[in-house]
C-alpha atoms as a PDB file:
ATOM      1  CA  MET A   1       0.094  -0.093   0.015  1.00  0.00           C
ATOM      2  CA  LEU A   2       2.771   2.452   0.731  1.00  0.00           C
ATOM      3  CA  TRP A   3       4.445   1.657  -2.614  1.00  0.00           C
ATOM      4  CA  GLU A   4       1.067   2.526  -4.369  1.00  0.00           C
ATOM      5  CA  CYS A   5       0.641   5.771  -2.387  1.00  0.00           C
ATOM      6  CA  ILE A   6       4.337   6.752  -3.361  1.00  0.00           C
ATOM      7  CA  THR A   7       3.843   5.940  -6.883  1.00  0.00           C
ATOM      8  CA  LEU A   8       0.534   7.703  -7.222  1.00  0.00           C
ATOM      9  CA  LEU A   9       2.123  11.040  -5.816  1.00  0.00           C
ATOM     10  CA  ARG A  10       4.784  10.740  -8.206  1.00  0.00           C
ATOM     11  CA  ASP A  11       2.450  10.152 -11.353  1.00  0.00           C
ATOM     12  CA  ARG A  12      -0.764  12.079 -10.869  1.00  0.00           C
ATOM     13  CA  GLY A  13      -2.583  12.129 -14.211  1.00  0.00           C
ATOM     14  CA  SER A  14      -4.413  15.010 -15.987  1.00  0.00           C
ATOM     15  CA  ARG A  15      -7.699  16.556 -14.291  1.00  0.00           C
ATOM     16  CA  GLN A  16      -9.856  13.912 -16.280  1.00  0.00           C
ATOM     17  CA  ALA A  17      -7.746  11.212 -15.384  1.00  0.00           C
ATOM     18  CA  ARG A  18      -7.854  12.263 -11.582  1.00  0.00           C
ATOM     19  CA  ARG A  19     -11.491  12.908 -11.724  1.00  0.00           C
ATOM     20  CA  PHE A  20     -12.400   9.406 -13.079  1.00  0.00           C
ATOM     21  CA  GLY A  21      -9.414   7.465 -11.248  1.00  0.00           C
ATOM     22  CA  HIS A  22      -7.544   6.457 -14.234  1.00  0.00           C
ATOM     23  CA  ASP A  23      -4.133   7.359 -12.403  1.00  0.00           C
ATOM     24  CA  ARG A  24      -5.157   5.565  -9.373  1.00  0.00           C
ATOM     25  CA  GLU A  25      -6.241   2.298 -11.552  1.00  0.00           C
ATOM     26  CA  ALA A  26      -2.776   2.359 -13.348  1.00  0.00           C
ATOM     27  CA  VAL A  27      -0.942   2.222 -10.030  1.00  0.00           C
ATOM     28  CA  ALA A  28      -3.414  -0.430  -8.756  1.00  0.00           C
ATOM     29  CA  ILE A  29      -2.783  -2.585 -11.877  1.00  0.00           C
ATOM     30  CA  ALA A  30       0.916  -2.303 -11.511  1.00  0.00           C
ATOM     31  CA  ALA A  31       0.680  -3.322  -7.927  1.00  0.00           C
ATOM     32  CA  ARG A  32      -1.510  -6.452  -8.468  1.00  0.00           C
ATOM     33  CA  HIS A  33       0.725  -7.262 -11.368  1.00  0.00           C
ATOM     34  CA  ARG A  34       3.809  -7.290  -8.918  1.00  0.00           C
ATOM     35  CA  ARG A  35       1.919  -9.680  -6.782  1.00  0.00           C
ATOM     36  CA  CYS A  36       0.444 -12.097  -9.364  1.00  0.00           C
ATOM     37  CA  ARG A  37       3.063 -12.014 -12.184  1.00  0.00           C
ATOM     38  CA  ALA A  38       3.239 -15.776 -12.649  1.00  0.00           C
ATOM     39  CA  ALA A  39      -0.667 -16.004 -12.583  1.00  0.00           C
ATOM     40  CA  TRP A  40      -1.025 -13.251 -15.202  1.00  0.00           C
ATOM     41  CA  GLU A  41       1.728 -14.374 -17.604  1.00  0.00           C
ATOM     42  CA  PRO A  42      -0.433 -16.861 -19.819  1.00  0.00           C
ATOM     43  CA  HIS A  43      -2.868 -14.197 -20.254  1.00  0.00           C
ATOM     44  CA  LEU A  44      -0.364 -11.472 -21.103  1.00  0.00           C
ATOM     45  CA  GLU A  45       1.260 -13.910 -23.661  1.00  0.00           C
ATOM     46  CA  ALA A  46      -1.986 -14.877 -25.208  1.00  0.00           C
ATOM     47  CA  ALA A  47      -2.840 -11.127 -25.774  1.00  0.00           C
ATOM     48  CA  LYS A  48       0.644 -10.283 -27.291  1.00  0.00           C
ATOM     49  CA  ASN A  49       0.267 -13.275 -29.465  1.00  0.00           C
ATOM     50  CA  LEU A  50      -3.109 -12.230 -30.788  1.00  0.00           C
ATOM     51  CA  VAL A  51      -1.784  -8.690 -31.310  1.00  0.00           C
ATOM     52  CA  LEU A  52       1.078  -9.821 -33.325  1.00  0.00           C
ATOM     53  CA  THR A  53      -0.989 -12.469 -35.246  1.00  0.00           C
ATOM     54  CA  ALA A  54      -3.414  -9.800 -36.198  1.00  0.00           C
ATOM     55  CA  ALA A  55      -0.933  -7.124 -37.084  1.00  0.00           C
ATOM     56  CA  ASP A  56       0.874  -9.506 -39.704  1.00  0.00           C
ATOM     57  CA  THR A  57      -2.534  -9.275 -41.706  1.00  0.00           C
ATOM     58  CA  ALA A  58      -2.589  -5.583 -41.627  1.00  0.00           C
ATOM     59  CA  PRO A  59      -2.835  -4.016 -45.528  1.00  0.00           C
ATOM     60  CA  GLY A  60       0.198  -1.715 -44.643  1.00  0.00           C
ATOM     61  CA  ARG A  61       3.124  -1.196 -42.363  1.00  0.00           C
ATOM     62  CA  ASP A  62       2.785   2.631 -41.704  1.00  0.00           C
ATOM     63  CA  THR A  63       0.700   3.076 -38.588  1.00  0.00           C
ATOM     64  CA  ALA A  64      -0.368   0.912 -35.755  1.00  0.00           C
ATOM     65  CA  VAL A  65      -2.765   2.060 -32.836  1.00  0.00           C
ATOM     66  CA  ILE A  66      -3.028   0.491 -29.477  1.00  0.00           C
ATOM     67  CA  LEU A  67      -6.207   1.555 -27.730  1.00  0.00           C
ATOM     68  CA  GLY A  68      -6.068   1.120 -23.870  1.00  0.00           C
ATOM     69  CA  SER A  69      -2.255   0.659 -23.796  1.00  0.00           C
ATOM     70  CA  GLY A  70      -1.969   1.534 -20.020  1.00  0.00           C
ATOM     71  CA  LEU A  71       1.227   0.155 -18.802  1.00  0.00           C
ATOM     72  CA  CYS A  72       1.936  -1.809 -21.796  1.00  0.00           C
ATOM     73  CA  LEU A  73       2.060  -5.130 -19.931  1.00  0.00           C
ATOM     74  CA  ASP A  74       0.164  -6.779 -22.950  1.00  0.00           C
ATOM     75  CA  VAL A  75       1.630  -4.723 -25.807  1.00  0.00           C
ATOM     76  CA  PRO A  76       4.342  -6.428 -27.836  1.00  0.00           C
ATOM     77  CA  VAL A  77       6.285  -3.085 -28.324  1.00  0.00           C
ATOM     78  CA  GLU A  78       9.624  -4.259 -29.708  1.00  0.00           C
ATOM     79  CA  GLU A  79       7.834  -6.471 -32.220  1.00  0.00           C
ATOM     80  CA  LEU A  80       5.270  -3.930 -33.477  1.00  0.00           C
ATOM     81  CA  CYS A  81       8.189  -1.198 -33.781  1.00  0.00           C
ATOM     82  CA  ALA A  82       9.768  -3.700 -36.130  1.00  0.00           C
ATOM     83  CA  ARG A  83       6.635  -4.107 -38.141  1.00  0.00           C
ATOM     84  CA  PHE A  84       5.509  -0.693 -38.395  1.00  0.00           C
ATOM     85  CA  ARG A  85       6.889   2.998 -39.321  1.00  0.00           C
ATOM     86  CA  ARG A  86       5.148   4.285 -36.085  1.00  0.00           C
ATOM     87  CA  VAL A  87       3.242   2.909 -33.215  1.00  0.00           C
ATOM     88  CA  LEU A  88       0.610   4.997 -31.341  1.00  0.00           C
ATOM     89  CA  LEU A  89      -0.272   4.350 -27.757  1.00  0.00           C
ATOM     90  CA  VAL A  90      -3.601   5.852 -26.928  1.00  0.00           C
ATOM     91  CA  ASP A  91      -5.008   5.963 -23.327  1.00  0.00           C
ATOM     92  CA  VAL A  92      -6.566   8.672 -21.104  1.00  0.00           C
ATOM     93  CA  HIS A  93      -3.689   8.370 -18.761  1.00  0.00           C
ATOM     94  CA  HIS A  94      -0.032   7.252 -19.689  1.00  0.00           C
ATOM     95  CA  PRO A  95       1.774   6.081 -16.616  1.00  0.00           C
ATOM     96  CA  ARG A  96       5.478   6.391 -16.064  1.00  0.00           C
ATOM     97  CA  PRO A  97       6.350   3.073 -17.493  1.00  0.00           C
ATOM     98  CA  ALA A  98       4.607   3.948 -20.764  1.00  0.00           C
ATOM     99  CA  ARG A  99       6.333   7.346 -21.124  1.00  0.00           C
ATOM    100  CA  LYS A 100       9.651   5.673 -20.435  1.00  0.00           C
ATOM    101  CA  LEU A 101       9.097   3.382 -23.183  1.00  0.00           C
ATOM    102  CA  ALA A 102       8.137   6.105 -25.423  1.00  0.00           C
ATOM    103  CA  ARG A 103      11.459   8.041 -24.354  1.00  0.00           C
ATOM    104  CA  ASN A 104      13.528   4.903 -25.492  1.00  0.00           C
ATOM    105  CA  HIS A 105      11.644   4.019 -28.770  1.00  0.00           C
ATOM    106  CA  PRO A 106      11.804   6.678 -31.588  1.00  0.00           C
ATOM    107  CA  LYS A 107       8.880   4.858 -33.352  1.00  0.00           C
ATOM    108  CA  LEU A 108       6.439   5.216 -30.371  1.00  0.00           C
ATOM    109  CA  ARG A 109       3.995   8.109 -29.683  1.00  0.00           C
ATOM    110  CA  LEU A 110       1.872   8.710 -26.926  1.00  0.00           C
ATOM    111  CA  ILE A 111      -1.703  10.132 -27.609  1.00  0.00           C
ATOM    112  CA  THR A 112      -3.810  11.066 -24.586  1.00  0.00           C
ATOM    113  CA  ALA A 113      -7.541  10.583 -25.512  1.00  0.00           C
ATOM    114  CA  ASP A 114     -10.876   9.368 -23.988  1.00  0.00           C
ATOM    115  CA  VAL A 115     -11.895   6.800 -26.535  1.00  0.00           C
ATOM    116  CA  THR A 116     -15.491   7.034 -25.067  1.00  0.00           C
ATOM    117  CA  GLY A 117     -15.672  10.928 -26.042  1.00  0.00           C
ATOM    118  CA  MET A 118     -17.770  11.100 -23.094  1.00  0.00           C
ATOM    119  CA  GLY A 119     -15.677  12.098 -20.057  1.00  0.00           C
ATOM    120  CA  GLU A 120     -16.044  15.749 -19.954  1.00  0.00           C
ATOM    121  CA  THR A 121     -19.662  15.769 -21.176  1.00  0.00           C
ATOM    122  CA  VAL A 122     -20.705  13.305 -18.293  1.00  0.00           C
ATOM    123  CA  ALA A 123     -18.766  15.375 -15.763  1.00  0.00           C
ATOM    124  CA  ARG A 124     -20.729  18.612 -16.728  1.00  0.00           C
ATOM    125  CA  ALA A 125     -24.028  16.808 -16.894  1.00  0.00           C
ATOM    126  CA  ALA A 126     -23.426  15.228 -13.375  1.00  0.00           C
ATOM    127  CA  ALA A 127     -22.459  18.513 -11.989  1.00  0.00           C
ATOM    128  CA  ALA A 128     -25.558  20.108 -13.302  1.00  0.00           C
ATOM    129  CA  GLY A 129     -27.806  17.497 -12.449  1.00  0.00           C
ATOM    130  CA  ARG A 130     -28.783  16.777 -16.073  1.00  0.00           C
ATOM    131  CA  PRO A 131     -29.601  13.339 -17.786  1.00  0.00           C
ATOM    132  CA  LEU A 132     -26.747  11.540 -19.141  1.00  0.00           C
ATOM    133  CA  PRO A 133     -25.648  12.083 -22.686  1.00  0.00           C
ATOM    134  CA  ASP A 134     -26.364   9.335 -25.232  1.00  0.00           C
ATOM    135  CA  PRO A 135     -23.232   7.188 -25.371  1.00  0.00           C
ATOM    136  CA  THR A 136     -23.833   5.544 -28.709  1.00  0.00           C
ATOM    137  CA  SER A 137     -23.122   8.580 -30.689  1.00  0.00           C
ATOM    138  CA  PRO A 138     -19.864   9.941 -29.340  1.00  0.00           C
ATOM    139  CA  PRO A 139     -17.456  12.422 -30.857  1.00  0.00           C
ATOM    140  CA  GLU A 140     -14.533  10.882 -32.872  1.00  0.00           C
ATOM    141  CA  PRO A 141     -11.869  10.427 -30.450  1.00  0.00           C
ATOM    142  CA  LEU A 142      -9.125  10.221 -32.955  1.00  0.00           C
ATOM    143  CA  PRO A 143     -10.177  12.631 -35.668  1.00  0.00           C
ATOM    144  CA  GLY A 144      -8.272  12.244 -39.012  1.00  0.00           C
ATOM    145  CA  LEU A 145      -6.135   9.287 -38.202  1.00  0.00           C
ATOM    146  CA  ARG A 146      -6.079   6.435 -40.556  1.00  0.00           C
ATOM    147  CA  ALA A 147      -4.148   3.564 -39.323  1.00  0.00           C
ATOM    148  CA  ASP A 148      -3.138   0.181 -40.935  1.00  0.00           C
ATOM    149  CA  PHE A 149      -3.721  -1.675 -37.822  1.00  0.00           C
ATOM    150  CA  THR A 150      -5.976  -0.895 -34.782  1.00  0.00           C
ATOM    151  CA  ILE A 151      -6.528  -3.135 -31.662  1.00  0.00           C
ATOM    152  CA  SER A 152      -8.455  -2.538 -28.562  1.00  0.00           C
ATOM    153  CA  LEU A 153      -6.577  -4.112 -26.021  1.00  0.00           C
ATOM    154  CA  ASN A 154      -8.187  -5.473 -22.578  1.00  0.00           C
ATOM    155  CA  LEU A 155     -10.111  -2.240 -22.967  1.00  0.00           C
ATOM    156  CA  ALA A 156     -14.032  -2.546 -23.726  1.00  0.00           C
ATOM    157  CA  SER A 157     -15.309  -3.976 -20.486  1.00  0.00           C
ATOM    158  CA  GLN A 158     -13.373  -1.270 -18.487  1.00  0.00           C
ATOM    159  CA  LEU A 159     -14.984   1.815 -20.234  1.00  0.00           C
ATOM    160  CA  PRO A 160     -17.945   2.113 -18.068  1.00  0.00           C
ATOM    161  CA  ILE A 161     -16.196   1.550 -14.731  1.00  0.00           C
ATOM    162  CA  PRO A 162     -14.883   4.843 -14.176  1.00  0.00           C
ATOM    163  CA  PHE A 163     -18.252   6.439 -15.021  1.00  0.00           C
ATOM    164  CA  TYR A 164     -19.773   4.002 -12.475  1.00  0.00           C
ATOM    165  CA  LYS A 165     -17.229   4.933  -9.654  1.00  0.00           C
ATOM    166  CA  VAL A 166     -18.181   8.847 -10.175  1.00  0.00           C
ATOM    167  CA  LEU A 167     -22.068   8.293 -10.936  1.00  0.00           C
ATOM    168  CA  ASP A 168     -22.994   5.831  -8.564  1.00  0.00           C
ATOM    169  CA  GLY A 169     -25.661   7.183  -6.198  1.00  0.00           C
ATOM    170  CA  ARG A 170     -26.243  10.178  -8.590  1.00  0.00           C
ATOM    171  CA  VAL A 171     -28.041   8.391 -11.428  1.00  0.00           C
ATOM    172  CA  PRO A 172     -30.519   5.627 -11.219  1.00  0.00           C
ATOM    173  CA  ALA A 173     -28.857   2.264 -11.298  1.00  0.00           C
ATOM    174  CA  GLU A 174     -30.699   1.175 -14.387  1.00  0.00           C
ATOM    175  CA  ALA A 175     -29.992   4.273 -16.485  1.00  0.00           C
ATOM    176  CA  LEU A 176     -26.323   3.965 -15.297  1.00  0.00           C
ATOM    177  CA  LYS A 177     -26.388   0.432 -16.635  1.00  0.00           C
ATOM    178  CA  ARG A 178     -27.914   1.236 -19.998  1.00  0.00           C
ATOM    179  CA  PHE A 179     -25.201   4.052 -20.190  1.00  0.00           C
ATOM    180  CA  GLY A 180     -22.463   1.337 -19.383  1.00  0.00           C
ATOM    181  CA  ARG A 181     -23.852  -0.986 -22.186  1.00  0.00           C
ATOM    182  CA  GLY A 182     -24.083   2.022 -24.684  1.00  0.00           C
ATOM    183  CA  LEU A 183     -20.564   2.823 -23.993  1.00  0.00           C
ATOM    184  CA  ILE A 184     -19.458  -0.720 -25.101  1.00  0.00           C
ATOM    185  CA  GLU A 185     -21.691  -0.938 -27.912  1.00  0.00           C
ATOM    186  CA  ALA A 186     -20.571   2.537 -29.307  1.00  0.00           C
ATOM    187  CA  HIS A 187     -16.898   1.289 -29.019  1.00  0.00           C
ATOM    188  CA  PHE A 188     -17.753  -1.844 -31.098  1.00  0.00           C
ATOM    189  CA  ALA A 189     -19.412  -0.042 -33.558  1.00  0.00           C
ATOM    190  CA  TRP A 190     -16.658   2.649 -33.915  1.00  0.00           C
ATOM    191  CA  LEU A 191     -14.036  -0.128 -34.297  1.00  0.00           C
ATOM    192  CA  GLU A 192     -15.991  -1.832 -36.809  1.00  0.00           C
ATOM    193  CA  GLY A 193     -15.937   1.369 -39.091  1.00  0.00           C
ATOM    194  CA  LEU A 194     -12.258   1.996 -38.731  1.00  0.00           C
ATOM    195  CA  PRO A 195      -9.996   1.326 -41.851  1.00  0.00           C
ATOM    196  CA  GLY A 196      -7.252  -1.188 -41.802  1.00  0.00           C
ATOM    197  CA  ARG A 197      -7.184  -4.367 -39.888  1.00  0.00           C
ATOM    198  CA  VAL A 198      -8.928  -4.213 -36.465  1.00  0.00           C
ATOM    199  CA  GLY A 199      -8.406  -6.699 -33.770  1.00  0.00           C
ATOM    200  CA  LEU A 200      -9.953  -6.647 -30.230  1.00  0.00           C
ATOM    201  CA  VAL A 201      -9.167  -8.441 -26.905  1.00  0.00           C
ATOM    202  CA  CYS A 202     -11.700  -8.051 -24.083  1.00  0.00           C
ATOM    203  CA  ASP A 203     -13.024  -9.784 -21.075  1.00  0.00           C
ATOM    204  CA  ARG A 204     -16.392 -11.428 -21.633  1.00  0.00           C
ATOM    205  CA  MET A 205     -17.233 -12.890 -18.247  1.00  0.00           C
ATOM    206  CA  TRP A 206     -16.097 -12.284 -14.616  1.00  0.00           C
ATOM    207  CA  GLU A 207     -16.230 -15.122 -12.459  1.00  0.00           C
ATOM    208  CA  GLU A 208     -15.248 -15.944  -8.633  1.00  0.00           C
ATOM    209  CA  VAL A 209     -14.103 -19.574  -8.289  1.00  0.00           C
ATOM    210  CA  ASP A 210     -13.893 -21.474  -4.968  1.00  0.00           C
ATOM    211  CA  GLY A 211     -11.314 -23.966  -3.937  1.00  0.00           C
ATOM    212  CA  ASP A 212     -13.155 -26.929  -5.688  1.00  0.00           C
ATOM    213  CA  GLY A 213     -13.376 -25.239  -8.816  1.00  0.00           C
ATOM    214  CA  ALA A 214     -17.020 -24.357  -8.541  1.00  0.00           C
ATOM    215  CA  VAL A 215     -18.349 -20.878  -9.907  1.00  0.00           C
ATOM    216  CA  VAL A 216     -19.487 -18.778  -6.734  1.00  0.00           C
ATOM    217  CA  GLU A 217     -20.450 -15.900  -8.756  1.00  0.00           C
ATOM    218  CA  SER A 218     -20.292 -14.717 -12.503  1.00  0.00           C
ATOM    219  CA  ARG A 219     -21.003 -11.458 -14.108  1.00  0.00           C
ATOM    220  CA  ASP A 220     -21.474 -10.415 -17.769  1.00  0.00           C
ATOM    221  CA  ALA A 221     -18.401  -8.269 -18.104  1.00  0.00           C
ATOM    222  CA  LEU A 222     -20.040  -6.428 -21.306  1.00  0.00           C
ATOM    223  CA  GLU A 223     -23.027  -5.348 -19.531  1.00  0.00           C
ATOM    224  CA  GLY A 224     -25.356  -7.018 -22.125  1.00  0.00           C
ATOM    225  CA  ALA A 225     -23.571  -5.964 -25.208  1.00  0.00           C
ATOM    226  CA  ARG A 226     -23.153  -8.789 -27.564  1.00  0.00           C
ATOM    227  CA  PRO A 227     -20.064  -9.338 -29.450  1.00  0.00           C
ATOM    228  CA  PRO A 228     -19.568 -12.108 -32.073  1.00  0.00           C
ATOM    229  CA  VAL A 229     -18.096 -15.549 -31.461  1.00  0.00           C
ATOM    230  CA  PRO A 230     -14.372 -14.805 -30.851  1.00  0.00           C
ATOM    231  CA  ASP A 231     -11.299 -16.237 -32.753  1.00  0.00           C
ATOM    232  CA  ARG A 232      -9.633 -17.239 -29.378  1.00  0.00           C
ATOM    233  CA  ALA A 233     -10.782 -17.620 -26.066  1.00  0.00           C
ATOM    234  CA  TRP A 234      -8.809 -17.959 -22.738  1.00  0.00           C
ATOM    235  CA  ILE A 235      -8.724 -17.492 -19.020  1.00  0.00           C
ATOM    236  CA  TRP A 236      -7.047 -14.792 -17.273  1.00  0.00           C
ATOM    237  CA  ASP A 237      -6.319 -15.775 -13.476  1.00  0.00           C
ATOM    238  CA  ILE A 238      -6.666 -12.193 -12.409  1.00  0.00           C
ATOM    239  CA  ALA A 239      -6.669 -12.495  -8.666  1.00  0.00           C
ATOM    240  CA  PRO A 240      -5.739 -16.014  -7.241  1.00  0.00           C
ATOM    241  CA  ARG A 241      -6.019 -16.675  -3.652  1.00  0.00           C
ATOM    242  CA  PRO A 242      -5.514 -14.805  -1.417  1.00  0.00           C
ATOM    243  CA  GLU A 243      -5.265 -11.724  -3.508  1.00  0.00           C
ATOM    244  CA  GLU A 244      -8.841 -10.852  -2.999  1.00  0.00           C
ATOM    245  CA  SER A 245     -10.054 -13.550  -0.791  1.00  0.00           C
ATOM    246  CA  HIS A 246      -8.975 -16.565   1.059  1.00  0.00           C
ATOM    247  CA  CYS A 247     -12.084 -18.290  -0.028  1.00  0.00           C
ATOM    248  CA  TYR A 248     -12.129 -17.673  -3.858  1.00  0.00           C
ATOM    249  CA  ASP A 249     -10.009 -17.061  -7.018  1.00  0.00           C
ATOM    250  CA  ARG A 250     -11.246 -14.189  -9.465  1.00  0.00           C
ATOM    251  CA  ARG A 251     -10.925 -15.029 -13.079  1.00  0.00           C
ATOM    252  CA  ASN A 252     -11.791 -13.499 -16.282  1.00  0.00           C
ATOM    253  CA  HIS A 253     -12.889 -15.049 -19.563  1.00  0.00           C
ATOM    254  CA  VAL A 254     -11.180 -13.167 -22.486  1.00  0.00           C
ATOM    255  CA  TRP A 255     -12.226 -13.181 -26.011  1.00  0.00           C
ATOM    256  CA  GLY A 256      -9.996 -12.235 -28.831  1.00  0.00           C
ATOM    257  CA  TYR A 257     -10.469 -11.132 -32.515  1.00  0.00           C
ATOM    258  CA  LEU A 258      -7.956 -11.225 -35.281  1.00  0.00           C
ATOM    259  CA  ASP A 259     -10.462  -9.429 -37.479  1.00  0.00           C
ATOM    260  CA  PHE A 260     -13.205  -7.898 -35.682  1.00  0.00           C
ATOM    261  CA  THR A 261     -14.782  -6.173 -38.662  1.00  0.00           C
ATOM    262  CA  ALA A 262     -15.165  -9.492 -40.624  1.00  0.00           C
ATOM    263  CA  ALA A 263     -16.395 -10.970 -37.191  1.00  0.00           C
ATOM    264  CA  ARG A 264     -18.989  -8.233 -36.699  1.00  0.00           C
ATOM    265  CA  ARG A 265     -20.078  -8.410 -40.393  1.00  0.00           C
ATOM    266  CA  GLY A 266     -20.217 -12.352 -40.463  1.00  0.00           C
ATOM    267  CA  THR A 267     -17.723 -12.276 -43.117  1.00  0.00           C
ATOM    268  CA  ARG A 268     -14.648 -13.919 -41.785  1.00  0.00           C
ATOM    269  CA  ALA A 269     -13.081 -16.962 -43.243  1.00  0.00           C
ATOM    270  CA  VAL A 270     -15.015 -20.502 -43.061  1.00  0.00           C
ATOM    271  CA  GLY A 271     -13.557 -22.602 -40.262  1.00  0.00           C
ATOM    272  CA  ALA A 272     -12.690 -19.478 -38.094  1.00  0.00           C
ATOM    273  CA  GLY A 273     -13.792 -19.912 -34.569  1.00  0.00           C
ATOM    274  CA  PRO A 274     -12.766 -19.909 -30.865  1.00  0.00           C
ATOM    275  CA  GLN A 275      -9.388 -21.512 -29.938  1.00  0.00           C
ATOM    276  CA  GLY A 276      -8.088 -22.026 -26.380  1.00  0.00           C
ATOM    277  CA  THR A 277     -10.130 -22.567 -23.239  1.00  0.00           C
END
């Protein structure tokens, strides 16, 4: 806990990052990774492998975009820099490890952006007591950018969470849930319309599992949004005992897409389907 406090004091984010807790979340993720490194490794390797497999099918080698780059734990930075002229890391908050990577790699660029496009609008609406805006028609988060390869990386299920933390108790629960589902659906629709090859890695289900392997509790990580059948699927042991509890492990079911646009439109190659657990 002391390490986390010191790290946060040294790495506060922008006004929006502080308001929605993005900087605190980055510190918490880094701390959990330090404690659960071995349990996380299969997930991180599966994510990196999917990123590179999808990147290899991009129509060009100019620009790659990583949405939700965060600490870059799941980003194969060296390999992407070898494949593309430039690699853009996009996040609402870039913690110190990401900034250090960018200093050491001339091909890396950091872009600070809220891919929901809703942060400031929601903050103003909440402060004024107005209804939440429609999340399904957000402003373009990266105007004018045309990439050969874009991937949303362990981001989709996380999009509503900062809003929940800020708006809980100020907005009716059902309206807040609809808003969260709308954010995720809007993200999927936006990805589908992007040029080049588009990939996706996202949580599909969150589970708590007891010592006998029985599921104690499960939750839809996408708030009712319905993605297509994935190309790959695996388990992320995100919080093995006793990280959160001595009674259960928490694990995420992760879905991955090599060509999200084709999956959404039902036009991917015959025989494509989920691989993994």
